[in-house]
Amino acid sequence: MAQSAPHALAETTVVDTDVHITVEEDALAPYLDEPHRSSITDSPHPVFPSSSWDQRMGGKIDDHFSTFTGPEDVREFQTEFDIDYPIINTFEPLGKFSQPDFAVSLMRAYNDLLLDVFLDDYDFLGLAAVATQRPEAAADEIERMAAEDQIVGVYLGTSGEYPPLGDPSNDPIYRAAEDNDLPVVFHGNGDEFVFDFPHHNKGFNNYFEVQTLGHPWQQMATMSSLIGEGVPAKFPDLDFVFLEAGIGWVPYMMHRMNKIYRMRRSEVPLLEQSPEEYLREQFYVGSQPLGEPTDPEEMRRMIETLGADMLMFATDYPHWDFDHLEELDKYLRHYFSDAERQKILHDTPVEAFGLDV
């Protein structure tokens, strides 16, 4: 992970809104309640279902490279790449588990491990995992985790969730998050395409197609559900963050939902203003994975459409498809003011997550 020269981010206080850890089953087992602990320790089979896709590209992708299993990994990344405040997230998407009690046990175990291993002796920030299968239990877990100063948000996977996350059954989750001044962070997972889009999953011939669509489809479905069910109107003091689907889908969704809203306003009686207004007031978007237009002017226009008040810096490190730390910054330095760059790298995530930094 060594660098030959100081990184361009060294001069700026940086919040990375999307840093991943990997929790191995044997590390998680001690934090699980019985009988779920024994179901992991006594079983020769992985408890987490496979995506069914070969993602290794003939061995070109090393799984060990894309894994942070301990706090020392996060510290090395933080030090080498001048990331002042890494926000740790990503556990197995709990929505894919058909056993609600197991999902709730995993939720509590993940959060206990996060506190015990990654936060208690380190100054990292973290997101509390939530399982929506039992919304009231999830709300209780949010209350428990909100007492921890280093917990700065609620983590919801957008993969495998049923019903969609805007459904009123999830209101206890959003109410608990709002009451505790914690933003809700939505994160997709390409591996779980098999749960969300099973017919497409079986119809595609290669993972290129799945990885292209997996995250943005999940995020678009979630955003449509949230707006269509009036969640931001019901919880006006709650903020929403979308990670790891890039940024190009967001202007499309804003403008398309505006169009549909004007045609079918009677179907969304809770909305008192346009979808775009809700998005600009309560929604934030992480930058990774930034698209790669042939003409860089197109990226400039896309960033301008979102604006520095909505866009936040994210790397997705250490996953193999992470964004290089200069991926976004090269556009910010070339096209935008120092104040706009400061907002995206620091001020906007500080506001979104309510950070005292």
Protein backbone atom coordinates (compact mmCIF):
# COMPACT_ATOMS: atom_id res chain seq x y z
CA MET A 1 0.00 0.00 0.00
CA ALA A 2 3.06 2.23 -0.13
CA GLN A 3 3.05 5.52 -2.06
CA SER A 4 5.94 7.18 -3.86
CA ALA A 5 4.82 10.73 -2.99
CA PRO A 6 2.37 12.52 -0.71
CA HIS A 7 -1.15 12.23 -1.98
CA ALA A 8 -3.12 15.20 -3.28
CA LEU A 9 -5.60 14.76 -0.45
CA ALA A 10 -2.94 15.36 2.21
CA GLU A 11 -3.63 19.10 2.25
CA THR A 12 -7.37 18.66 2.84
CA THR A 13 -9.37 17.23 5.73
CA VAL A 14 -11.14 14.29 4.07
CA VAL A 15 -14.16 12.19 5.06
CA ASP A 16 -14.40 8.90 3.14
CA THR A 17 -18.05 7.90 3.31
CA ASP A 18 -17.60 4.32 2.05
CA VAL A 19 -14.87 2.17 3.63
CA HIS A 20 -15.53 -1.56 3.81
CA ILE A 21 -14.66 -4.24 6.28
CA THR A 22 -14.98 -7.98 5.81
CA VAL A 23 -16.26 -10.04 8.71
CA GLU A 24 -15.28 -13.69 8.51
CA GLU A 25 -17.75 -16.23 9.84
CA ASP A 26 -15.44 -17.55 12.55
CA ALA A 27 -14.87 -13.99 13.81
CA LEU A 28 -18.59 -13.28 13.89
CA ALA A 29 -19.66 -16.52 15.58
CA PRO A 30 -18.78 -15.54 19.18
CA TYR A 31 -21.10 -12.53 18.91
CA LEU A 32 -24.12 -14.55 17.75
CA ASP A 33 -26.91 -15.83 19.96
CA GLU A 34 -27.66 -19.53 20.08
CA PRO A 35 -28.73 -21.51 18.14
CA HIS A 36 -27.26 -19.33 15.39
CA ARG A 37 -23.73 -19.47 16.79
CA SER A 38 -23.68 -23.25 16.52
CA SER A 39 -25.20 -23.13 13.05
CA ILE A 40 -22.02 -21.37 11.94
CA THR A 41 -19.38 -23.13 14.04
CA ASP A 42 -20.78 -26.63 13.51
CA SER A 43 -21.54 -26.36 9.80
CA PRO A 44 -19.11 -27.31 7.01
CA HIS A 45 -21.00 -25.06 4.61
CA PRO A 46 -20.82 -21.25 4.34
CA VAL A 47 -23.77 -19.56 5.99
CA PHE A 48 -23.77 -16.72 3.44
CA PRO A 49 -25.24 -17.77 0.08
CA SER A 50 -23.13 -17.48 -3.05
CA SER A 51 -23.98 -15.11 -5.89
CA SER A 52 -23.52 -18.03 -8.36
CA TRP A 53 -21.22 -15.92 -10.55
CA ASP A 54 -17.51 -16.37 -11.22
CA GLN A 55 -16.11 -12.93 -10.49
CA ARG A 56 -12.41 -13.76 -10.38
CA MET A 57 -11.64 -13.11 -14.06
CA GLY A 58 -9.33 -16.08 -14.39
CA GLY A 59 -7.53 -15.33 -11.14
CA LYS A 60 -6.81 -11.69 -11.98
CA ILE A 61 -8.75 -10.53 -8.92
CA ASP A 62 -7.22 -11.50 -5.58
CA ASP A 63 -9.83 -11.75 -2.85
CA HIS A 64 -7.18 -11.07 -0.22
CA PHE A 65 -6.49 -7.66 -1.72
CA SER A 66 -10.12 -6.65 -1.34
CA THR A 67 -10.42 -7.47 2.36
CA PHE A 68 -10.13 -5.42 5.55
CA THR A 69 -10.47 -7.91 8.41
CA GLY A 70 -9.01 -5.85 11.24
CA PRO A 71 -8.63 -2.26 12.42
CA GLU A 72 -4.95 -2.25 11.50
CA ASP A 73 -6.00 -2.55 7.83
CA VAL A 74 -8.21 0.51 8.12
CA ARG A 75 -5.46 2.41 9.94
CA GLU A 76 -2.94 1.63 7.22
CA PHE A 77 -5.34 2.84 4.54
CA GLN A 78 -6.11 5.96 6.55
CA THR A 79 -2.46 6.79 7.06
CA GLU A 80 -1.14 5.98 3.59
CA PHE A 81 -3.85 7.84 1.70
CA ASP A 82 -4.50 10.79 4.01
CA ILE A 83 -8.09 9.88 4.87
CA ASP A 84 -8.86 11.72 8.09
CA TYR A 85 -12.24 10.20 8.85
CA PRO A 86 -13.10 6.79 7.37
CA ILE A 87 -16.73 5.78 7.82
CA ILE A 88 -16.81 1.98 8.10
CA ASN A 89 -19.70 0.06 6.60
CA THR A 90 -20.80 -3.01 4.69
CA PHE A 91 -21.74 -6.28 6.16
CA GLU A 92 -23.62 -9.06 4.44
CA PRO A 93 -26.92 -7.60 3.13
CA LEU A 94 -29.28 -8.83 5.81
CA GLY A 95 -32.37 -8.53 3.64
CA LYS A 96 -31.47 -11.66 1.71
CA PHE A 97 -31.86 -13.95 4.73
CA SER A 98 -35.16 -15.81 4.75
CA GLN A 99 -34.95 -16.50 8.49
CA PRO A 100 -35.98 -13.31 10.33
CA ASP A 101 -34.63 -14.39 13.71
CA PHE A 102 -31.29 -15.27 12.15
CA ALA A 103 -31.16 -11.86 10.42
CA VAL A 104 -31.82 -10.09 13.73
CA SER A 105 -29.13 -12.12 15.46
CA LEU A 106 -26.68 -11.26 12.68
CA MET A 107 -27.59 -7.59 13.00
CA ARG A 108 -26.74 -7.49 16.69
CA ALA A 109 -23.61 -9.58 16.22
CA TYR A 110 -22.28 -7.34 13.45
CA ASN A 111 -22.82 -4.25 15.54
CA ASP A 112 -21.21 -5.74 18.65
CA LEU A 113 -18.20 -6.83 16.61
CA LEU A 114 -17.95 -3.39 14.99
CA LEU A 115 -17.85 -1.73 18.38
CA ASP A 116 -15.56 -4.27 20.03
CA VAL A 117 -13.00 -4.77 17.26
CA PHE A 118 -13.05 -1.64 15.10
CA LEU A 119 -14.26 1.29 17.19
CA ASP A 120 -13.60 0.92 20.91
CA ASP A 121 -9.82 1.40 20.65
CA TYR A 122 -9.75 3.45 17.44
CA ASP A 123 -11.07 6.82 16.29
CA PHE A 124 -12.89 5.45 13.23
CA LEU A 125 -16.55 6.14 12.54
CA GLY A 126 -19.11 3.44 11.80
CA LEU A 127 -22.63 2.63 10.64
CA ALA A 128 -25.02 0.43 12.60
CA ALA A 129 -26.32 -2.53 10.60
CA VAL A 130 -30.09 -3.01 10.50
CA ALA A 131 -32.25 -6.02 9.56
CA THR A 132 -35.66 -5.00 8.27
CA GLN A 133 -37.28 -8.42 8.75
CA ARG A 134 -38.26 -7.30 12.27
CA PRO A 135 -38.72 -3.50 12.08
CA GLU A 136 -39.42 -3.09 15.79
CA ALA A 137 -36.29 -5.05 16.68
CA ALA A 138 -34.36 -2.93 14.21
CA ALA A 139 -35.69 0.23 15.87
CA ASP A 140 -34.56 -1.08 19.26
CA GLU A 141 -31.12 -1.77 17.81
CA ILE A 142 -30.91 1.77 16.46
CA GLU A 143 -31.73 3.09 19.92
CA ARG A 144 -28.99 0.91 21.41
CA MET A 145 -26.35 1.89 18.89
CA ALA A 146 -27.24 5.58 18.90
CA ALA A 147 -25.73 5.81 22.38
CA GLU A 148 -22.30 5.13 20.85
CA ASP A 149 -20.54 8.37 19.83
CA GLN A 150 -18.70 6.76 16.90
CA ILE A 151 -21.90 5.44 15.31
CA VAL A 152 -22.89 8.11 12.79
CA GLY A 153 -25.58 6.42 10.69
CA VAL A 154 -27.86 3.45 10.06
CA TYR A 155 -26.81 0.98 7.39
CA LEU A 156 -29.49 -0.64 5.20
CA GLY A 157 -28.67 -3.00 2.36
CA THR A 158 -30.82 -2.44 -0.72
CA SER A 159 -30.39 -6.03 -1.86
CA GLY A 160 -32.89 -8.76 -1.06
CA GLU A 161 -35.22 -6.42 0.81
CA TYR A 162 -38.91 -7.26 0.69
CA PRO A 163 -41.15 -5.36 0.79
CA PRO A 164 -39.33 -2.41 -0.79
CA LEU A 165 -37.73 -0.12 1.73
CA GLY A 166 -40.27 2.68 1.42
CA ASP A 167 -43.06 0.39 2.62
CA PRO A 168 -44.83 1.71 5.75
CA SER A 169 -43.87 -1.45 7.62
CA ASN A 170 -40.37 0.04 7.83
CA ASP A 171 -41.55 3.28 9.45
CA PRO A 172 -40.34 2.23 12.94
CA ILE A 173 -36.80 2.11 11.51
CA TYR A 174 -37.01 5.57 10.00
CA ARG A 175 -38.66 6.98 13.11
CA ALA A 176 -35.89 5.63 15.35
CA ALA A 177 -33.23 7.00 13.00
CA GLU A 178 -34.89 10.43 12.92
CA ASP A 179 -35.36 10.48 16.70
CA ASN A 180 -31.67 9.78 17.17
CA ASP A 181 -30.49 12.17 14.45
CA LEU A 182 -28.83 9.40 12.43
CA PRO A 183 -28.98 9.39 8.62
CA VAL A 184 -30.08 6.21 6.87
CA VAL A 185 -27.44 4.91 4.48
CA PHE A 186 -28.46 2.66 1.58
CA HIS A 187 -25.87 0.37 0.01
CA GLY A 188 -26.34 -2.09 -2.83
CA ASN A 189 -24.54 -5.33 -3.52
CA GLY A 190 -23.85 -6.74 -6.97
CA ASP A 191 -23.46 -10.27 -5.61
CA GLU A 192 -27.09 -10.35 -4.55
CA PHE A 193 -28.48 -9.78 -8.04
CA VAL A 194 -29.80 -13.33 -7.80
CA PHE A 195 -32.21 -12.25 -5.05
CA ASP A 196 -33.44 -9.02 -6.61
CA PHE A 197 -33.65 -9.85 -10.29
CA PRO A 198 -33.68 -13.66 -10.57
CA HIS A 199 -34.87 -13.88 -14.17
CA HIS A 200 -32.23 -11.44 -15.37
CA ASN A 201 -29.64 -13.18 -13.23
CA LYS A 202 -30.29 -16.46 -15.05
CA GLY A 203 -30.55 -14.78 -18.45
CA PHE A 204 -27.26 -12.89 -18.53
CA ASN A 205 -24.15 -14.60 -19.85
CA ASN A 206 -21.43 -12.80 -17.92
CA TYR A 207 -20.81 -10.80 -14.77
CA PHE A 208 -20.13 -7.66 -16.83
CA GLU A 209 -23.88 -7.33 -17.31
CA VAL A 210 -24.68 -8.03 -13.67
CA GLN A 211 -22.10 -5.61 -12.29
CA THR A 212 -23.21 -2.88 -14.69
CA LEU A 213 -26.80 -3.03 -13.46
CA GLY A 214 -26.80 -4.52 -9.94
CA HIS A 215 -26.08 -1.50 -7.75
CA PRO A 216 -27.94 1.20 -9.71
CA TRP A 217 -31.05 -0.97 -10.20
CA GLN A 218 -31.21 -1.66 -6.47
CA GLN A 219 -30.69 1.99 -5.60
CA MET A 220 -33.20 3.26 -8.15
CA ALA A 221 -35.82 0.84 -6.85
CA THR A 222 -35.16 2.01 -3.29
CA MET A 223 -35.27 5.71 -4.14
CA SER A 224 -38.49 5.26 -6.10
CA SER A 225 -40.05 3.41 -3.15
CA LEU A 226 -38.96 6.04 -0.63
CA ILE A 227 -40.34 8.92 -2.66
CA GLY A 228 -43.46 7.08 -3.82
CA GLU A 229 -44.39 6.13 -0.25
CA GLY A 230 -43.67 9.63 1.05
CA VAL A 231 -40.94 8.62 3.48
CA PRO A 232 -39.06 11.95 3.40
CA ALA A 233 -42.37 13.79 3.88
CA LYS A 234 -43.24 11.60 6.88
CA PHE A 235 -39.79 12.09 8.38
CA PRO A 236 -38.73 15.62 7.40
CA ASP A 237 -35.76 15.71 9.77
CA LEU A 238 -34.28 12.48 8.44
CA ASP A 239 -31.47 12.39 5.87
CA PHE A 240 -30.82 9.63 3.35
CA VAL A 241 -27.47 8.60 1.84
CA PHE A 242 -26.94 6.41 -1.23
CA LEU A 243 -23.59 4.67 -1.74
CA GLU A 244 -21.82 2.63 -4.42
CA ALA A 245 -23.99 3.16 -7.46
CA GLY A 246 -22.13 6.13 -8.92
CA ILE A 247 -23.86 9.43 -9.60
CA GLY A 248 -25.26 9.29 -13.15
CA TRP A 249 -28.49 7.59 -12.11
CA VAL A 250 -29.43 10.34 -9.62
CA PRO A 251 -30.16 13.21 -12.06
CA TYR A 252 -32.10 10.74 -14.20
CA MET A 253 -34.22 9.68 -11.23
CA MET A 254 -34.78 13.25 -10.05
CA HIS A 255 -36.03 14.38 -13.42
CA ARG A 256 -38.03 11.26 -14.22
CA MET A 257 -39.78 11.28 -10.84
CA ASN A 258 -40.61 14.97 -11.36
CA LYS A 259 -42.29 14.00 -14.62
CA ILE A 260 -44.28 11.13 -13.14
CA TYR A 261 -45.19 13.25 -10.11
CA ARG A 262 -46.84 15.83 -12.34
CA MET A 263 -48.83 13.13 -14.12
CA ARG A 264 -49.81 10.99 -11.11
CA ARG A 265 -49.77 13.34 -8.15
CA SER A 266 -52.96 11.83 -6.73
CA GLU A 267 -51.11 8.55 -6.12
CA VAL A 268 -48.55 10.20 -3.83
CA PRO A 269 -50.71 12.37 -1.53
CA LEU A 270 -48.02 12.59 1.15
CA LEU A 271 -45.69 14.56 -1.10
CA GLU A 272 -46.01 18.29 -0.58
CA GLN A 273 -43.29 19.22 -3.04
CA SER A 274 -41.60 17.74 -6.08
CA PRO A 275 -39.34 14.66 -5.80
CA GLU A 276 -36.36 16.77 -6.80
CA GLU A 277 -36.98 19.16 -3.94
CA TYR A 278 -37.01 16.30 -1.44
CA LEU A 279 -33.83 14.89 -2.93
CA ARG A 280 -32.03 18.20 -2.76
CA GLU A 281 -33.12 18.83 0.83
CA GLN A 282 -32.71 15.38 2.43
CA PHE A 283 -30.65 13.12 0.14
CA TYR A 284 -26.89 12.67 -0.34
CA VAL A 285 -24.89 10.58 -2.80
CA GLY A 286 -21.43 9.01 -2.55
CA SER A 287 -19.22 9.45 -5.61
CA GLN A 288 -17.99 5.87 -6.11
CA PRO A 289 -17.94 4.29 -8.67
CA LEU A 290 -17.52 7.40 -10.73
CA GLY A 291 -18.34 6.89 -14.40
CA GLU A 292 -15.74 7.34 -17.11
CA PRO A 293 -17.12 9.50 -19.93
CA THR A 294 -15.00 9.90 -23.02
CA ASP A 295 -15.51 13.66 -22.78
CA PRO A 296 -14.59 14.94 -19.27
CA GLU A 297 -16.91 17.89 -19.78
CA GLU A 298 -19.80 15.48 -19.39
CA MET A 299 -18.63 14.58 -15.89
CA ARG A 300 -18.32 18.26 -15.05
CA ARG A 301 -21.93 18.82 -16.06
CA MET A 302 -23.09 15.79 -14.06
CA ILE A 303 -21.31 16.96 -10.92
CA GLU A 304 -22.77 20.43 -11.41
CA THR A 305 -26.26 18.93 -11.72
CA LEU A 306 -25.92 17.20 -8.37
CA GLY A 307 -24.11 20.06 -6.71
CA ALA A 308 -21.63 20.15 -3.87
CA ASP A 309 -24.45 20.14 -1.31
CA MET A 310 -25.47 16.61 -2.34
CA LEU A 311 -22.27 14.92 -3.53
CA MET A 312 -19.83 13.31 -1.09
CA PHE A 313 -16.42 11.72 -1.57
CA ALA A 314 -16.30 7.90 -1.37
CA THR A 315 -13.70 5.32 -2.37
CA ASP A 316 -15.23 1.87 -1.68
CA TYR A 317 -11.77 0.83 -0.51
CA PRO A 318 -10.44 -1.86 -0.36
CA HIS A 319 -12.71 -3.61 -2.87
CA TRP A 320 -11.06 -4.49 -6.15
CA ASP A 321 -13.31 -2.07 -8.05
CA PHE A 322 -12.69 0.90 -5.73
CA ASP A 323 -12.17 4.42 -7.05
CA HIS A 324 -8.61 5.70 -7.07
CA LEU A 325 -8.38 8.56 -4.62
CA GLU A 326 -7.80 11.04 -7.44
CA GLU A 327 -10.70 9.73 -9.56
CA LEU A 328 -13.06 12.42 -8.32
CA ASP A 329 -10.45 14.93 -7.22
CA LYS A 330 -9.04 15.43 -10.72
CA TYR A 331 -12.42 16.83 -11.79
CA LEU A 332 -12.81 18.90 -8.64
CA ARG A 333 -9.39 20.53 -9.06
CA HIS A 334 -9.84 21.19 -12.76
CA TYR A 335 -13.43 22.42 -12.93
CA PHE A 336 -14.55 23.54 -9.48
CA SER A 337 -13.64 26.11 -6.86
CA ASP A 338 -11.70 25.36 -3.68
CA ALA A 339 -14.89 25.95 -1.70
CA GLU A 340 -16.84 23.41 -3.78
CA ARG A 341 -14.03 20.88 -3.45
CA GLN A 342 -13.94 21.46 0.31
CA LYS A 343 -17.67 20.83 0.50
CA ILE A 344 -17.54 17.50 -1.33
CA LEU A 345 -14.48 16.17 0.50
CA HIS A 346 -15.43 17.39 3.96
CA ASP A 347 -18.26 19.83 4.62
CA THR A 348 -21.14 17.95 2.99
CA PRO A 349 -20.39 14.58 4.67
CA VAL A 350 -19.92 16.41 7.97
CA GLU A 351 -23.41 17.83 7.53
CA ALA A 352 -24.97 14.59 6.30
CA PHE A 353 -23.59 12.50 9.17
CA GLY A 354 -23.70 15.21 11.83
CA LEU A 355 -19.99 14.85 12.52
CA ASP A 356 -18.30 16.83 15.25
CA VAL A 357 -15.00 17.23 13.41
